[in-house]
């Protein structure tokens, strides 16, 4: 029998007080061995997420981490704005 255990957490990085009607969204994702060692293209920076979504003025930043038994961690930076 296979055992699958994972955990997902999402934490706000920063926010602006104003809401944006037609917000754009960009993400940057990378995989990490033991949560520390980058294995894939692991540029999860805010600037990369903004560029991926075409966001010029950042309103919010969120950080998401999905951990599989602590061995494999997928980190994602999510940016919204204009």
C-alpha atoms as a PDB file:
ATOM      1  CA  UNK A   1       0.000   0.000   0.000  1.00  0.00           C
ATOM      2  CA  UNK A   2       1.363   3.402  -0.958  1.00  0.00           C
ATOM      3  CA  UNK A   3       1.477   6.207   1.558  1.00  0.00           C
ATOM      4  CA  UNK A   4       1.034   9.741   0.250  1.00  0.00           C
ATOM      5  CA  UNK A   5       1.525  12.589   2.679  1.00  0.00           C
ATOM      6  CA  UNK A   6       1.785  16.236   1.750  1.00  0.00           C
ATOM      7  CA  UNK A   7       1.265  19.634   3.316  1.00  0.00           C
ATOM      8  CA  UNK A   8       0.445  22.945   1.649  1.00  0.00           C
ATOM      9  CA  UNK A   9       0.919  26.362   3.250  1.00  0.00           C
ATOM     10  CA  UNK A  10       0.281  29.805   1.805  1.00  0.00           C
ATOM     11  CA  UNK A  11       1.620  32.915   3.537  1.00  0.00           C
ATOM     12  CA  UNK A  12       1.304  36.582   2.567  1.00  0.00           C
ATOM     13  CA  UNK A  13       4.594  38.276   1.779  1.00  0.00           C
ATOM     14  CA  UNK A  14       3.346  41.864   1.499  1.00  0.00           C
ATOM     15  CA  UNK A  15       0.277  43.802   0.496  1.00  0.00           C
ATOM     16  CA  UNK A  16      -0.853  47.208  -0.651  1.00  0.00           C
ATOM     17  CA  UNK A  17      -3.942  48.839   0.838  1.00  0.00           C
ATOM     18  CA  UNK A  18      -5.675  49.442  -2.499  1.00  0.00           C
ATOM     19  CA  UNK A  19      -7.699  46.892  -4.447  1.00  0.00           C
ATOM     20  CA  UNK A  20      -7.096  46.535  -8.168  1.00  0.00           C
ATOM     21  CA  UNK A  21     -10.110  45.872 -10.404  1.00  0.00           C
ATOM     22  CA  UNK A  22      -8.396  44.040 -13.285  1.00  0.00           C
ATOM     23  CA  UNK A  23      -5.383  42.621 -11.491  1.00  0.00           C
ATOM     24  CA  UNK A  24      -2.807  40.609 -13.379  1.00  0.00           C
ATOM     25  CA  UNK A  25      -1.290  37.538 -11.739  1.00  0.00           C
ATOM     26  CA  UNK A  26       2.169  36.042 -12.140  1.00  0.00           C
ATOM     27  CA  UNK A  27       3.790  32.973 -10.613  1.00  0.00           C
ATOM     28  CA  UNK A  28       7.324  31.639 -10.264  1.00  0.00           C
ATOM     29  CA  UNK A  29       7.727  27.999  -9.188  1.00  0.00           C
ATOM     30  CA  UNK A  30      10.698  25.812  -8.314  1.00  0.00           C
ATOM     31  CA  UNK A  31      11.415  22.434  -6.752  1.00  0.00           C
ATOM     32  CA  UNK A  32      13.741  21.928  -3.798  1.00  0.00           C
ATOM     33  CA  UNK A  33      15.209  18.741  -2.326  1.00  0.00           C
ATOM     34  CA  UNK A  34      14.761  18.727   1.467  1.00  0.00           C
ATOM     35  CA  UNK A  35      13.316  22.228   1.070  1.00  0.00           C
ATOM     36  CA  UNK A  36      16.769  23.775   0.586  1.00  0.00           C
ATOM     37  CA  UNK A  37      18.605  22.388  -2.456  1.00  0.00           C
ATOM     38  CA  UNK A  38      17.244  23.731  -5.765  1.00  0.00           C
ATOM     39  CA  UNK A  39      16.725  20.882  -8.221  1.00  0.00           C
ATOM     40  CA  UNK A  40      14.734  22.453 -11.030  1.00  0.00           C
ATOM     41  CA  UNK A  41      14.910  25.989 -12.357  1.00  0.00           C
ATOM     42  CA  UNK A  42      14.261  27.386  -8.892  1.00  0.00           C
ATOM     43  CA  UNK A  43      14.025  31.125  -9.440  1.00  0.00           C
ATOM     44  CA  UNK A  44      11.045  31.843  -7.207  1.00  0.00           C
ATOM     45  CA  UNK A  45      11.803  35.548  -6.867  1.00  0.00           C
ATOM     46  CA  UNK A  46       9.185  38.269  -6.807  1.00  0.00           C
ATOM     47  CA  UNK A  47      10.678  39.890  -9.910  1.00  0.00           C
ATOM     48  CA  UNK A  48      10.444  36.629 -11.893  1.00  0.00           C
ATOM     49  CA  UNK A  49       6.826  36.097 -10.814  1.00  0.00           C
ATOM     50  CA  UNK A  50       5.968  39.675 -11.814  1.00  0.00           C
ATOM     51  CA  UNK A  51       7.668  39.278 -15.187  1.00  0.00           C
ATOM     52  CA  UNK A  52       5.864  35.974 -15.829  1.00  0.00           C
ATOM     53  CA  UNK A  53       2.504  37.689 -15.303  1.00  0.00           C
ATOM     54  CA  UNK A  54       3.325  41.000 -16.960  1.00  0.00           C
ATOM     55  CA  UNK A  55       2.850  42.800 -13.638  1.00  0.00           C
ATOM     56  CA  UNK A  56       4.500  46.246 -13.593  1.00  0.00           C
ATOM     57  CA  UNK A  57       3.130  47.584 -10.278  1.00  0.00           C
ATOM     58  CA  UNK A  58       2.945  44.938  -7.532  1.00  0.00           C
ATOM     59  CA  UNK A  59      -0.006  45.023  -5.136  1.00  0.00           C
ATOM     60  CA  UNK A  60       0.272  41.689  -3.304  1.00  0.00           C
ATOM     61  CA  UNK A  61       2.821  38.914  -2.881  1.00  0.00           C
ATOM     62  CA  UNK A  62       2.043  35.437  -1.549  1.00  0.00           C
ATOM     63  CA  UNK A  63       4.384  32.529  -0.921  1.00  0.00           C
ATOM     64  CA  UNK A  64       3.122  28.958  -1.290  1.00  0.00           C
ATOM     65  CA  UNK A  65       4.983  25.785  -0.287  1.00  0.00           C
ATOM     66  CA  UNK A  66       3.870  22.218  -0.893  1.00  0.00           C
ATOM     67  CA  UNK A  67       5.933  19.654   1.011  1.00  0.00           C
ATOM     68  CA  UNK A  68       5.954  15.928   0.280  1.00  0.00           C
ATOM     69  CA  UNK A  69       7.282  14.225   3.436  1.00  0.00           C
ATOM     70  CA  UNK A  70       9.817  17.045   3.766  1.00  0.00           C
ATOM     71  CA  UNK A  71      11.904  15.460   1.023  1.00  0.00           C
ATOM     72  CA  UNK A  72      10.516  17.294  -2.003  1.00  0.00           C
ATOM     73  CA  UNK A  73       9.211  20.863  -1.619  1.00  0.00           C
ATOM     74  CA  UNK A  74       7.626  22.909  -4.385  1.00  0.00           C
ATOM     75  CA  UNK A  75       7.764  26.647  -3.674  1.00  0.00           C
ATOM     76  CA  UNK A  76       5.692  29.202  -5.577  1.00  0.00           C
ATOM     77  CA  UNK A  77       5.725  32.993  -5.399  1.00  0.00           C
ATOM     78  CA  UNK A  78       2.415  34.543  -6.491  1.00  0.00           C
ATOM     79  CA  UNK A  79       2.279  38.231  -7.431  1.00  0.00           C
ATOM     80  CA  UNK A  80      -0.773  40.326  -8.324  1.00  0.00           C
ATOM     81  CA  UNK A  81      -0.961  43.904  -9.509  1.00  0.00           C
ATOM     82  CA  UNK A  82      -1.224  46.149 -12.548  1.00  0.00           C
END
